[in-house]
Amino acid sequence: MSRSKKWRLEWSFFLGENGRRKYNKVCKGCVHPCKQSFRVVLISCP
């Protein structure tokens, strides 16, 4: 498996329609490194 294919599989939950990483609206401006995907419903943030 090529490196780019492996990367795409690992990040597929975060990739939007345009193929770029997309984070939750709340996580975009957050200082913590625990960024979550735009696909999740954010329940708790430290």
Protein backbone atom coordinates (compact mmCIF):
# COMPACT_ATOMS: atom_id res chain seq x y z
CA MET A 1 0.00 0.00 0.00
CA SER A 2 1.41 3.39 -0.93
CA ARG A 3 2.02 6.08 1.65
CA SER A 4 -0.66 8.42 0.25
CA LYS A 5 -3.28 5.66 0.18
CA LYS A 6 -2.50 4.73 3.78
CA TRP A 7 -2.71 8.40 4.81
CA ARG A 8 -6.09 8.76 3.08
CA LEU A 9 -7.46 5.67 4.84
CA GLU A 10 -6.29 6.93 8.23
CA TRP A 11 -7.75 10.42 7.69
CA SER A 12 -10.93 9.39 5.79
CA PHE A 13 -13.13 10.29 8.78
CA PHE A 14 -11.75 13.86 8.66
CA LEU A 15 -11.81 14.42 4.88
CA GLY A 16 -14.55 16.62 3.47
CA GLU A 17 -16.07 16.63 -0.03
CA ASN A 18 -13.05 18.46 -1.44
CA GLY A 19 -10.58 15.91 -0.01
CA ARG A 20 -9.14 18.27 2.60
CA ARG A 21 -9.11 17.76 6.36
CA LYS A 22 -12.13 19.29 8.03
CA TYR A 23 -12.57 19.69 11.79
CA ASN A 24 -15.57 20.32 14.01
CA LYS A 25 -16.57 24.01 14.20
CA VAL A 26 -15.89 24.07 17.94
CA CYS A 27 -12.47 22.46 17.50
CA LYS A 28 -11.22 24.87 14.84
CA GLY A 29 -10.47 27.65 17.32
CA CYS A 30 -9.58 25.42 20.25
CA VAL A 31 -6.05 25.41 21.67
CA HIS A 32 -6.11 21.72 22.66
CA PRO A 33 -4.57 19.13 20.29
CA CYS A 34 -7.60 16.80 20.48
CA LYS A 35 -9.23 17.99 17.24
CA GLN A 36 -12.37 16.07 16.25
CA SER A 37 -13.92 15.41 12.87
CA PHE A 38 -16.75 17.49 11.47
CA ARG A 39 -18.76 14.25 11.38
CA VAL A 40 -19.02 13.87 15.18
CA VAL A 41 -21.42 15.46 17.62
CA LEU A 42 -19.22 17.16 20.18
CA ILE A 43 -20.19 16.07 23.68
CA SER A 44 -17.29 17.23 25.80
CA CYS A 45 -14.16 19.33 25.38
CA PRO A 46 -11.38 19.73 27.94
